[in-house]
PDB file of N, CA and C in Angstrom:
ATOM      1  N   UNK A   1       0.529  -1.118 -10.868  1.00  0.00           N
ATOM      2  CA  UNK A   1      -0.251  -0.412 -11.222  1.00  0.00           C
ATOM      3  C   UNK A   1      -1.228   0.100 -10.546  1.00  0.00           C
ATOM      4  N   UNK A   2      -1.202  -0.085  -9.438  1.00  0.00           N
ATOM      5  CA  UNK A   2      -2.407   0.218  -8.292  1.00  0.00           C
ATOM      6  C   UNK A   2      -1.714   1.792  -7.708  1.00  0.00           C
ATOM      7  N   UNK A   3      -0.178   1.760  -7.916  1.00  0.00           N
ATOM      8  CA  UNK A   3      -0.262   2.921  -7.207  1.00  0.00           C
ATOM      9  C   UNK A   3      -0.054   3.989  -8.543  1.00  0.00           C
ATOM     10  N   UNK A   4      -0.224   3.675  -9.593  1.00  0.00           N
ATOM     11  CA  UNK A   4      -0.197   4.527 -10.642  1.00  0.00           C
ATOM     12  C   UNK A   4      -2.149   5.126 -10.274  1.00  0.00           C
ATOM     13  N   UNK A   5      -2.731   3.844 -10.698  1.00  0.00           N
ATOM     14  CA  UNK A   5      -4.187   4.233 -10.300  1.00  0.00           C
ATOM     15  C   UNK A   5      -4.533   5.223  -9.531  1.00  0.00           C
ATOM     16  N   UNK A   6      -3.537   4.834  -8.213  1.00  0.00           N
ATOM     17  CA  UNK A   6      -3.974   5.001  -6.898  1.00  0.00           C
ATOM     18  C   UNK A   6      -3.563   6.887  -7.530  1.00  0.00           C
ATOM     19  N   UNK A   7      -2.458   7.126  -7.790  1.00  0.00           N
ATOM     20  CA  UNK A   7      -2.214   8.566  -8.289  1.00  0.00           C
ATOM     21  C   UNK A   7      -3.222   9.226  -8.930  1.00  0.00           C
ATOM     22  N   UNK A   8      -3.762   8.856 -10.272  1.00  0.00           N
ATOM     23  CA  UNK A   8      -4.798   9.179 -11.225  1.00  0.00           C
ATOM     24  C   UNK A   8      -5.880   9.417 -10.051  1.00  0.00           C
ATOM     25  N   UNK A   9      -6.231   8.196  -8.919  1.00  0.00           N
ATOM     26  CA  UNK A   9      -7.480   8.746  -8.577  1.00  0.00           C
ATOM     27  C   UNK A   9      -7.510  10.210  -7.960  1.00  0.00           C
ATOM     28  N   UNK A  10      -6.185   9.867  -6.724  1.00  0.00           N
ATOM     29  CA  UNK A  10      -6.178  11.316  -6.384  1.00  0.00           C
ATOM     30  C   UNK A  10      -6.090  12.783  -7.068  1.00  0.00           C
ATOM     31  N   UNK A  11      -5.515  12.725  -8.307  1.00  0.00           N
ATOM     32  CA  UNK A  11      -4.993  13.882  -8.936  1.00  0.00           C
ATOM     33  C   UNK A  11      -6.726  14.252  -9.424  1.00  0.00           C
ATOM     34  N   UNK A  12      -7.505  12.992  -9.842  1.00  0.00           N
ATOM     35  CA  UNK A  12      -8.737  13.234 -10.346  1.00  0.00           C
ATOM     36  C   UNK A  12      -9.597  14.057  -9.746  1.00  0.00           C
ATOM     37  N   UNK A  13      -9.502  13.704  -7.624  1.00  0.00           N
ATOM     38  CA  UNK A  13     -10.156  13.889  -6.740  1.00  0.00           C
ATOM     39  C   UNK A  13      -9.959  15.508  -6.562  1.00  0.00           C
ATOM     40  N   UNK A  14      -8.545  16.056  -6.555  1.00  0.00           N
ATOM     41  CA  UNK A  14      -8.042  16.987  -6.383  1.00  0.00           C
ATOM     42  C   UNK A  14      -8.333  18.385  -7.583  1.00  0.00           C
ATOM     43  N   UNK A  15      -8.484  17.821  -8.544  1.00  0.00           N
ATOM     44  CA  UNK A  15      -9.369  18.757  -9.510  1.00  0.00           C
ATOM     45  C   UNK A  15     -10.623  18.631  -9.376  1.00  0.00           C
ATOM     46  N   UNK A  16     -11.326  17.507  -9.219  1.00  0.00           N
ATOM     47  CA  UNK A  16     -12.792  17.659  -8.752  1.00  0.00           C
ATOM     48  C   UNK A  16     -13.310  18.218  -7.591  1.00  0.00           C
ATOM     49  N   UNK A  17     -12.715  18.194  -6.587  1.00  0.00           N
ATOM     50  CA  UNK A  17     -12.702  19.076  -5.193  1.00  0.00           C
ATOM     51  C   UNK A  17     -12.377  20.328  -5.462  1.00  0.00           C
ATOM     52  N   UNK A  18     -11.418  20.924  -6.366  1.00  0.00           N
ATOM     53  CA  UNK A  18     -10.686  22.391  -6.473  1.00  0.00           C
ATOM     54  C   UNK A  18     -12.306  23.271  -7.067  1.00  0.00           C
ATOM     55  N   UNK A  19     -12.478  22.361  -8.336  1.00  0.00           N
ATOM     56  CA  UNK A  19     -13.507  22.769  -9.146  1.00  0.00           C
ATOM     57  C   UNK A  19     -15.058  22.913  -8.668  1.00  0.00           C
ATOM     58  N   UNK A  20     -15.206  22.386  -7.576  1.00  0.00           N
ATOM     59  CA  UNK A  20     -16.657  21.996  -6.699  1.00  0.00           C
ATOM     60  C   UNK A  20     -16.659  23.599  -6.326  1.00  0.00           C
ATOM     61  N   UNK A  21     -15.790  24.774  -5.577  1.00  0.00           N
ATOM     62  CA  UNK A  21     -15.814  25.680  -5.297  1.00  0.00           C
ATOM     63  C   UNK A  21     -16.327  26.542  -6.753  1.00  0.00           C
ATOM     64  N   UNK A  22     -15.564  26.269  -7.510  1.00  0.00           N
ATOM     65  CA  UNK A  22     -15.287  27.231  -8.710  1.00  0.00           C
ATOM     66  C   UNK A  22     -17.141  27.314  -9.504  1.00  0.00           C
ATOM     67  N   UNK A  23     -17.653  25.927  -9.168  1.00  0.00           N
ATOM     68  CA  UNK A  23     -19.088  25.562  -9.604  1.00  0.00           C
ATOM     69  C   UNK A  23     -19.763  26.230  -9.057  1.00  0.00           C
ATOM     70  N   UNK A  24     -19.631  27.035  -7.970  1.00  0.00           N
ATOM     71  CA  UNK A  24     -20.629  28.140  -7.001  1.00  0.00           C
ATOM     72  C   UNK A  24     -21.948  27.147  -7.059  1.00  0.00           C
ATOM     73  N   UNK A  25     -22.220  26.140  -6.543  1.00  0.00           N
ATOM     74  CA  UNK A  25     -23.620  25.514  -6.366  1.00  0.00           C
ATOM     75  C   UNK A  25     -24.078  24.873  -7.509  1.00  0.00           C
ATOM     76  N   UNK A  26     -23.056  24.423  -8.116  1.00  0.00           N
ATOM     77  CA  UNK A  26     -23.357  23.871  -9.422  1.00  0.00           C
ATOM     78  C   UNK A  26     -24.109  24.847 -10.341  1.00  0.00           C
ATOM     79  N   UNK A  27     -23.980  26.045 -10.188  1.00  0.00           N
ATOM     80  CA  UNK A  27     -24.371  27.266 -11.223  1.00  0.00           C
ATOM     81  C   UNK A  27     -23.734  27.480 -12.239  1.00  0.00           C
ATOM     82  N   UNK A  28     -22.482  26.884 -12.092  1.00  0.00           N
ATOM     83  CA  UNK A  28     -21.838  27.356 -13.745  1.00  0.00           C
ATOM     84  C   UNK A  28     -21.457  25.863 -14.543  1.00  0.00           C
ATOM     85  N   UNK A  29     -21.488  25.968 -15.845  1.00  0.00           N
ATOM     86  CA  UNK A  29     -21.419  24.967 -16.220  1.00  0.00           C
ATOM     87  C   UNK A  29     -20.071  23.859 -16.389  1.00  0.00           C
ATOM     88  N   UNK A  30     -18.905  24.900 -16.772  1.00  0.00           N
ATOM     89  CA  UNK A  30     -17.582  24.152 -17.040  1.00  0.00           C
ATOM     90  C   UNK A  30     -17.224  23.498 -15.743  1.00  0.00           C
ATOM     91  N   UNK A  31     -17.554  24.379 -14.859  1.00  0.00           N
ATOM     92  CA  UNK A  31     -16.737  23.696 -13.405  1.00  0.00           C
ATOM     93  C   UNK A  31     -17.375  22.681 -12.738  1.00  0.00           C
ATOM     94  N   UNK A  32     -18.898  22.304 -13.053  1.00  0.00           N
ATOM     95  CA  UNK A  32     -19.606  21.520 -12.687  1.00  0.00           C
ATOM     96  C   UNK A  32     -19.744  20.190 -13.846  1.00  0.00           C
ATOM     97  N   UNK A  33     -19.194  20.478 -14.509  1.00  0.00           N
ATOM     98  CA  UNK A  33     -18.986  19.201 -15.319  1.00  0.00           C
ATOM     99  C   UNK A  33     -17.393  18.657 -14.877  1.00  0.00           C
ATOM    100  N   UNK A  34     -16.476  19.393 -14.562  1.00  0.00           N
ATOM    101  CA  UNK A  34     -14.999  18.849 -14.097  1.00  0.00           C
ATOM    102  C   UNK A  34     -15.394  18.156 -12.736  1.00  0.00           C
ATOM    103  N   UNK A  35     -16.644  18.373 -12.011  1.00  0.00           N
ATOM    104  CA  UNK A  35     -16.960  18.385 -10.694  1.00  0.00           C
ATOM    105  C   UNK A  35     -17.356  16.538 -10.665  1.00  0.00           C
ATOM    106  N   UNK A  36     -18.225  16.510 -11.302  1.00  0.00           N
ATOM    107  CA  UNK A  36     -18.598  15.474 -11.996  1.00  0.00           C
ATOM    108  C   UNK A  36     -17.826  14.399 -12.798  1.00  0.00           C
ATOM    109  N   UNK A  37     -17.249  15.002 -13.988  1.00  0.00           N
ATOM    110  CA  UNK A  37     -16.151  14.120 -14.400  1.00  0.00           C
ATOM    111  C   UNK A  37     -14.957  13.500 -13.570  1.00  0.00           C
ATOM    112  N   UNK A  38     -14.354  14.555 -12.742  1.00  0.00           N
ATOM    113  CA  UNK A  38     -13.226  14.264 -11.822  1.00  0.00           C
ATOM    114  C   UNK A  38     -13.724  13.215 -10.696  1.00  0.00           C
ATOM    115  N   UNK A  39     -14.978  13.206 -10.020  1.00  0.00           N
ATOM    116  CA  UNK A  39     -15.426  12.379  -9.068  1.00  0.00           C
ATOM    117  C   UNK A  39     -15.863  11.261  -9.607  1.00  0.00           C
ATOM    118  N   UNK A  40     -16.004  10.788 -10.683  1.00  0.00           N
ATOM    119  CA  UNK A  40     -16.355   9.340 -11.749  1.00  0.00           C
ATOM    120  C   UNK A  40     -15.244   9.113 -11.565  1.00  0.00           C
ATOM    121  N   UNK A  41     -14.008   9.551 -12.343  1.00  0.00           N
ATOM    122  CA  UNK A  41     -12.732   9.074 -12.853  1.00  0.00           C
ATOM    123  C   UNK A  41     -11.902   8.672 -11.743  1.00  0.00           C
ATOM    124  N   UNK A  42     -12.072   9.989 -10.430  1.00  0.00           N
ATOM    125  CA  UNK A  42     -11.215   9.421  -9.012  1.00  0.00           C
ATOM    126  C   UNK A  42     -12.037   7.623  -8.560  1.00  0.00           C
ATOM    127  N   UNK A  43     -13.421   7.783  -8.296  1.00  0.00           N
ATOM    128  CA  UNK A  43     -13.633   6.873  -7.829  1.00  0.00           C
ATOM    129  C   UNK A  43     -13.514   5.556  -8.722  1.00  0.00           C
ATOM    130  N   UNK A  44     -13.538   5.650 -10.394  1.00  0.00           N
ATOM    131  CA  UNK A  44     -13.348   4.356 -11.193  1.00  0.00           C
ATOM    132  C   UNK A  44     -11.912   4.065 -10.762  1.00  0.00           C
ATOM    133  N   UNK A  45     -10.873   5.042 -10.662  1.00  0.00           N
ATOM    134  CA  UNK A  45      -9.766   4.356 -10.840  1.00  0.00           C
ATOM    135  C   UNK A  45      -8.986   3.992  -8.956  1.00  0.00           C
ATOM    136  N   UNK A  46      -9.965   4.094  -8.058  1.00  0.00           N
ATOM    137  CA  UNK A  46      -9.874   4.204  -6.931  1.00  0.00           C
ATOM    138  C   UNK A  46     -10.490   2.536  -7.004  1.00  0.00           C
ATOM    139  N   UNK A  47     -11.325   2.214  -7.483  1.00  0.00           N
ATOM    140  CA  UNK A  47     -12.251   0.638  -7.387  1.00  0.00           C
ATOM    141  C   UNK A  47     -11.303   0.033  -7.874  1.00  0.00           C
ATOM    142  N   UNK A  48     -10.161   0.318  -9.082  1.00  0.00           N
ATOM    143  CA  UNK A  48      -9.504  -0.713  -9.718  1.00  0.00           C
ATOM    144  C   UNK A  48      -8.312  -0.542  -8.394  1.00  0.00           C
ATOM    145  N   UNK A  49      -7.800   0.119  -8.142  1.00  0.00           N
ATOM    146  CA  UNK A  49      -6.638   0.186  -6.458  1.00  0.00           C
ATOM    147  C   UNK A  49      -7.130  -0.668  -5.618  1.00  0.00           C
ATOM    148  N   UNK A  50      -8.378  -0.835  -5.390  1.00  0.00           N
ATOM    149  CA  UNK A  50      -8.464  -1.986  -4.415  1.00  0.00           C
ATOM    150  C   UNK A  50      -8.796  -3.275  -4.536  1.00  0.00           C
ATOM    151  N   UNK A  51      -8.352  -3.543  -5.616  1.00  0.00           N
ATOM    152  CA  UNK A  51      -8.600  -5.132  -6.189  1.00  0.00           C
ATOM    153  C   UNK A  51      -7.042  -5.391  -5.265  1.00  0.00           C
ATOM    154  N   UNK A  52      -6.137  -4.563  -5.213  1.00  0.00           N
ATOM    155  CA  UNK A  52      -5.156  -4.749  -5.079  1.00  0.00           C
ATOM    156  C   UNK A  52      -4.353  -4.818  -3.215  1.00  0.00           C
ATOM    157  N   UNK A  53      -4.827  -3.279  -2.857  1.00  0.00           N
ATOM    158  CA  UNK A  53      -4.362  -2.820  -1.900  1.00  0.00           C
ATOM    159  C   UNK A  53      -5.562  -2.808  -1.330  1.00  0.00           C
ATOM    160  N   UNK A  54      -5.339  -3.004   0.316  1.00  0.00           N
ATOM    161  CA  UNK A  54      -6.702  -3.273   1.336  1.00  0.00           C
ATOM    162  C   UNK A  54      -7.227  -1.486   1.552  1.00  0.00           C
ATOM    163  N   UNK A  55      -9.114  -1.858   1.467  1.00  0.00           N
ATOM    164  CA  UNK A  55      -9.510  -0.546   1.693  1.00  0.00           C
ATOM    165  C   UNK A  55      -8.841   0.337   2.602  1.00  0.00           C
ATOM    166  N   UNK A  56      -8.673   0.347   3.969  1.00  0.00           N
ATOM    167  CA  UNK A  56      -7.858   1.295   4.709  1.00  0.00           C
ATOM    168  C   UNK A  56      -6.696   1.435   4.492  1.00  0.00           C
ATOM    169  N   UNK A  57      -5.713   0.757   3.897  1.00  0.00           N
ATOM    170  CA  UNK A  57      -4.863   1.902   3.233  1.00  0.00           C
ATOM    171  C   UNK A  57      -5.114   2.797   2.000  1.00  0.00           C
ATOM    172  N   UNK A  58      -5.990   2.029   1.245  1.00  0.00           N
ATOM    173  CA  UNK A  58      -5.889   2.987   0.261  1.00  0.00           C
ATOM    174  C   UNK A  58      -6.806   4.043   0.419  1.00  0.00           C
ATOM    175  N   UNK A  59      -7.790   3.983   1.496  1.00  0.00           N
ATOM    176  CA  UNK A  59      -8.477   5.057   1.137  1.00  0.00           C
ATOM    177  C   UNK A  59      -7.454   6.160   2.508  1.00  0.00           C
ATOM    178  N   UNK A  60      -6.821   6.080   3.200  1.00  0.00           N
ATOM    179  CA  UNK A  60      -5.669   6.424   4.334  1.00  0.00           C
ATOM    180  C   UNK A  60      -4.893   7.303   3.157  1.00  0.00           C
ATOM    181  N   UNK A  61      -4.405   6.867   2.100  1.00  0.00           N
ATOM    182  CA  UNK A  61      -3.193   7.453   1.604  1.00  0.00           C
ATOM    183  C   UNK A  61      -4.335   8.461   0.309  1.00  0.00           C
ATOM    184  N   UNK A  62      -5.481   7.584  -0.287  1.00  0.00           N
ATOM    185  CA  UNK A  62      -6.184   8.962  -1.256  1.00  0.00           C
ATOM    186  C   UNK A  62      -6.754  10.209  -0.192  1.00  0.00           C
ATOM    187  N   UNK A  63      -7.252   9.819   0.839  1.00  0.00           N
ATOM    188  CA  UNK A  63      -7.712  11.150   1.714  1.00  0.00           C
ATOM    189  C   UNK A  63      -6.492  12.049   2.500  1.00  0.00           C
ATOM    190  N   UNK A  64      -5.346  11.724   2.606  1.00  0.00           N
ATOM    191  CA  UNK A  64      -4.911  12.226   3.441  1.00  0.00           C
ATOM    192  C   UNK A  64      -3.281  12.993   1.770  1.00  0.00           C
ATOM    193  N   UNK A  65      -3.424  12.106   1.256  1.00  0.00           N
ATOM    194  CA  UNK A  65      -2.732  13.291   0.168  1.00  0.00           C
ATOM    195  C   UNK A  65      -3.327  14.045  -0.766  1.00  0.00           C
ATOM    196  N   UNK A  66      -5.235  13.745  -0.847  1.00  0.00           N
ATOM    197  CA  UNK A  66      -5.635  14.630  -1.556  1.00  0.00           C
ATOM    198  C   UNK A  66      -6.015  15.479  -0.519  1.00  0.00           C
ATOM    199  N   UNK A  67      -6.438  15.606   0.684  1.00  0.00           N
ATOM    200  CA  UNK A  67      -6.342  17.100   1.883  1.00  0.00           C
ATOM    201  C   UNK A  67      -4.894  17.963   1.317  1.00  0.00           C
ATOM    202  N   UNK A  68      -4.029  17.346   1.639  1.00  0.00           N
ATOM    203  CA  UNK A  68      -2.396  18.190   1.269  1.00  0.00           C
ATOM    204  C   UNK A  68      -2.799  18.860  -0.312  1.00  0.00           C
ATOM    205  N   UNK A  69      -3.077  18.042  -1.241  1.00  0.00           N
ATOM    206  CA  UNK A  69      -2.931  18.341  -2.558  1.00  0.00           C
ATOM    207  C   UNK A  69      -4.028  19.576  -2.512  1.00  0.00           C
ATOM    208  N   UNK A  70      -5.387  19.429  -2.080  1.00  0.00           N
ATOM    209  CA  UNK A  70      -6.335  20.482  -2.007  1.00  0.00           C
ATOM    210  C   UNK A  70      -6.046  21.771  -1.571  1.00  0.00           C
ATOM    211  N   UNK A  71      -5.614  21.775  -0.360  1.00  0.00           N
ATOM    212  CA  UNK A  71      -5.137  22.809   0.224  1.00  0.00           C
ATOM    213  C   UNK A  71      -3.939  23.907  -0.506  1.00  0.00           C
ATOM    214  N   UNK A  72      -3.111  22.964  -1.184  1.00  0.00           N
ATOM    215  CA  UNK A  72      -2.109  23.678  -2.008  1.00  0.00           C
ATOM    216  C   UNK A  72      -2.527  24.169  -3.407  1.00  0.00           C
ATOM    217  N   UNK A  73      -3.615  23.741  -3.793  1.00  0.00           N
ATOM    218  CA  UNK A  73      -4.395  24.209  -4.988  1.00  0.00           C
ATOM    219  C   UNK A  73      -5.088  25.203  -4.643  1.00  0.00           C
ATOM    220  N   UNK A  74      -5.773  25.084  -3.275  1.00  0.00           N
ATOM    221  CA  UNK A  74      -6.795  26.395  -2.672  1.00  0.00           C
ATOM    222  C   UNK A  74      -5.695  27.555  -2.328  1.00  0.00           C
ATOM    223  N   UNK A  75      -4.235  27.035  -2.270  1.00  0.00           N
ATOM    224  CA  UNK A  75      -3.256  28.985  -2.214  1.00  0.00           C
ATOM    225  C   UNK A  75      -3.447  29.382  -3.486  1.00  0.00           C
ATOM    226  N   UNK A  76      -2.870  28.905  -4.332  1.00  0.00           N
ATOM    227  CA  UNK A  76      -2.531  29.439  -5.994  1.00  0.00           C
ATOM    228  C   UNK A  76      -4.142  29.444  -6.685  1.00  0.00           C
ATOM    229  N   UNK A  77      -5.468  28.991  -6.545  1.00  0.00           N
ATOM    230  CA  UNK A  77      -6.400  29.055  -6.979  1.00  0.00           C
ATOM    231  C   UNK A  77      -7.186  29.977  -6.491  1.00  0.00           C
ATOM    232  N   UNK A  78      -7.376  30.240  -4.923  1.00  0.00           N
ATOM    233  CA  UNK A  78      -8.536  30.956  -4.197  1.00  0.00           C
ATOM    234  C   UNK A  78      -7.550  31.330  -3.239  1.00  0.00           C
ATOM    235  N   UNK A  79      -6.772  32.104  -3.252  1.00  0.00           N
ATOM    236  CA  UNK A  79      -5.789  32.603  -2.006  1.00  0.00           C
ATOM    237  C   UNK A  79      -5.925  32.529  -0.676  1.00  0.00           C
ATOM    238  N   UNK A  80      -6.444  31.120  -0.662  1.00  0.00           N
ATOM    239  CA  UNK A  80      -6.800  30.420   0.559  1.00  0.00           C
ATOM    240  C   UNK A  80      -5.401  29.998   1.301  1.00  0.00           C
ATOM    241  N   UNK A  81      -4.534  30.978   1.910  1.00  0.00           N
ATOM    242  CA  UNK A  81      -3.373  30.234   2.740  1.00  0.00           C
ATOM    243  C   UNK A  81      -3.645  29.711   3.959  1.00  0.00           C
ATOM    244  N   UNK A  82      -3.322  28.608   4.657  1.00  0.00           N
ATOM    245  CA  UNK A  82      -3.624  27.706   5.521  1.00  0.00           C
ATOM    246  C   UNK A  82      -2.698  28.417   6.564  1.00  0.00           C
ATOM    247  N   UNK A  83      -3.239  28.415   7.875  1.00  0.00           N
ATOM    248  CA  UNK A  83      -2.260  29.103   8.913  1.00  0.00           C
ATOM    249  C   UNK A  83      -1.209  28.238   9.621  1.00  0.00           C
ATOM    250  N   UNK A  84      -0.747  28.265  10.567  1.00  0.00           N
ATOM    251  CA  UNK A  84       0.271  27.223  10.995  1.00  0.00           C
ATOM    252  C   UNK A  84      -0.450  26.168  11.976  1.00  0.00           C
ATOM    253  N   UNK A  85      -1.418  26.271  12.001  1.00  0.00           N
ATOM    254  CA  UNK A  85      -2.086  24.952  13.127  1.00  0.00           C
ATOM    255  C   UNK A  85      -2.322  23.798  11.569  1.00  0.00           C
ATOM    256  N   UNK A  86      -2.820  24.563  10.797  1.00  0.00           N
ATOM    257  CA  UNK A  86      -3.462  23.977   9.471  1.00  0.00           C
ATOM    258  C   UNK A  86      -1.914  22.899   9.189  1.00  0.00           C
ATOM    259  N   UNK A  87      -1.315  23.823   8.714  1.00  0.00           N
ATOM    260  CA  UNK A  87       0.070  22.976   7.662  1.00  0.00           C
ATOM    261  C   UNK A  87       0.436  22.241   9.029  1.00  0.00           C
ATOM    262  N   UNK A  88       0.322  22.484  10.452  1.00  0.00           N
ATOM    263  CA  UNK A  88       1.197  21.387  11.433  1.00  0.00           C
ATOM    264  C   UNK A  88       0.258  20.308  11.097  1.00  0.00           C
ATOM    265  N   UNK A  89      -1.391  20.221  10.817  1.00  0.00           N
ATOM    266  CA  UNK A  89      -2.499  18.675  10.835  1.00  0.00           C
ATOM    267  C   UNK A  89      -1.804  18.502   9.692  1.00  0.00           C
ATOM    268  N   UNK A  90      -1.604  18.998   8.476  1.00  0.00           N
ATOM    269  CA  UNK A  90      -1.114  18.465   7.202  1.00  0.00           C
ATOM    270  C   UNK A  90      -0.259  17.475   7.313  1.00  0.00           C
ATOM    271  N   UNK A  91       1.004  18.249   7.766  1.00  0.00           N
ATOM    272  CA  UNK A  91       2.282  17.398   8.160  1.00  0.00           C
ATOM    273  C   UNK A  91       2.097  16.418   8.905  1.00  0.00           C
ATOM    274  N   UNK A  92       1.183  16.275   9.914  1.00  0.00           N
ATOM    275  CA  UNK A  92       0.544  15.202  10.572  1.00  0.00           C
ATOM    276  C   UNK A  92       0.379  14.036   9.959  1.00  0.00           C
ATOM    277  N   UNK A  93      -0.644  14.422   8.994  1.00  0.00           N
ATOM    278  CA  UNK A  93      -1.141  13.840   7.947  1.00  0.00           C
ATOM    279  C   UNK A  93      -0.406  12.947   7.294  1.00  0.00           C
ATOM    280  N   UNK A  94       0.483  13.362   6.419  1.00  0.00           N
ATOM    281  CA  UNK A  94       1.185  13.220   5.851  1.00  0.00           C
ATOM    282  C   UNK A  94       2.646  11.994   6.493  1.00  0.00           C
ATOM    283  N   UNK A  95       2.362  12.481   7.458  1.00  0.00           N
ATOM    284  CA  UNK A  95       3.858  11.582   8.931  1.00  0.00           C
ATOM    285  C   UNK A  95       2.839  10.513   8.676  1.00  0.00           C
ATOM    286  N   UNK A  96       1.495  10.376   8.720  1.00  0.00           N
ATOM    287  CA  UNK A  96       0.808   9.015   9.094  1.00  0.00           C
ATOM    288  C   UNK A  96       0.901   8.177   7.957  1.00  0.00           C
ATOM    289  N   UNK A  97       0.505   8.901   6.649  1.00  0.00           N
ATOM    290  CA  UNK A  97       0.484   8.346   5.743  1.00  0.00           C
ATOM    291  C   UNK A  97       1.965   7.553   5.338  1.00  0.00           C
ATOM    292  N   UNK A  98       3.532   8.213   5.586  1.00  0.00           N
ATOM    293  CA  UNK A  98       4.280   7.333   5.442  1.00  0.00           C
ATOM    294  C   UNK A  98       4.658   6.462   6.529  1.00  0.00           C
ATOM    295  N   UNK A  99       3.803   6.509   7.861  1.00  0.00           N
ATOM    296  CA  UNK A  99       4.323   5.391   8.758  1.00  0.00           C
ATOM    297  C   UNK A  99       3.168   4.220   7.979  1.00  0.00           C
ATOM    298  N   UNK A 100       2.041   4.723   7.761  1.00  0.00           N
ATOM    299  CA  UNK A 100       1.543   3.658   7.425  1.00  0.00           C
ATOM    300  C   UNK A 100       2.285   2.587   5.716  1.00  0.00           C
ATOM    301  N   UNK A 101       3.132   3.570   5.246  1.00  0.00           N
ATOM    302  CA  UNK A 101       3.647   2.726   3.906  1.00  0.00           C
ATOM    303  C   UNK A 101       4.680   2.160   4.634  1.00  0.00           C
ATOM    304  N   UNK A 102       5.591   2.713   5.263  1.00  0.00           N
ATOM    305  CA  UNK A 102       6.920   2.142   5.785  1.00  0.00           C
ATOM    306  C   UNK A 102       6.807   0.977   6.801  1.00  0.00           C
ATOM    307  N   UNK A 103       5.734   0.710   7.526  1.00  0.00           N
ATOM    308  CA  UNK A 103       5.891   0.466   8.623  1.00  0.00           C
ATOM    309  C   UNK A 103       4.728  -0.564   8.299  1.00  0.00           C
ATOM    310  N   UNK A 104       3.783  -0.444   7.827  1.00  0.00           N
ATOM    311  CA  UNK A 104       2.553  -1.496   8.065  1.00  0.00           C
ATOM    312  C   UNK A 104       2.237  -2.929   7.235  1.00  0.00           C
ATOM    313  N   UNK A 105       2.455  -3.862   7.827  1.00  0.00           N
ATOM    314  CA  UNK A 105       2.380  -5.147   7.090  1.00  0.00           C
ATOM    315  C   UNK A 105       1.040  -5.197   5.915  1.00  0.00           C
ATOM    316  N   UNK A 106       0.103  -4.635   5.756  1.00  0.00           N
ATOM    317  CA  UNK A 106      -0.924  -4.584   4.695  1.00  0.00           C
ATOM    318  C   UNK A 106      -0.425  -3.932   3.649  1.00  0.00           C
ATOM    319  N   UNK A 107       0.288  -3.393   3.688  1.00  0.00           N
ATOM    320  CA  UNK A 107       1.059  -2.633   2.642  1.00  0.00           C
ATOM    321  C   UNK A 107       2.289  -3.457   2.023  1.00  0.00           C
ATOM    322  N   UNK A 108       2.579  -3.487   0.550  1.00  0.00           N
ATOM    323  CA  UNK A 108       3.132  -4.056  -0.186  1.00  0.00           C
ATOM    324  C   UNK A 108       4.329  -3.679  -0.260  1.00  0.00           C
ATOM    325  N   UNK A 109       5.595  -3.635   0.317  1.00  0.00           N
ATOM    326  CA  UNK A 109       6.648  -3.102   0.234  1.00  0.00           C
ATOM    327  C   UNK A 109       7.761  -3.666  -1.343  1.00  0.00           C
TER     328      UNK A 109
END
């Protein structure tokens, strides 16, 4: 269940972060509500994940995958296409998350 909760936390955080731009400094109600609800949901599920997966591992996966998914959302929602160095950097983040999961003794395999 921990990885399901982590997936929910990541998706909620991506939705909240994507809505943060649309909230225009919390001056638009609906996007602002999505931000508050999304971050609340993300941190709630993240707290459930921390019952079984170590903090550092949880945060690495949450932040790493969140960065990539927010960048993808930015492409579709705001036409903010990352350049080659940004894409390479995000690929390295994903590679880091994979190394953690494949080789770390702190991860439940």
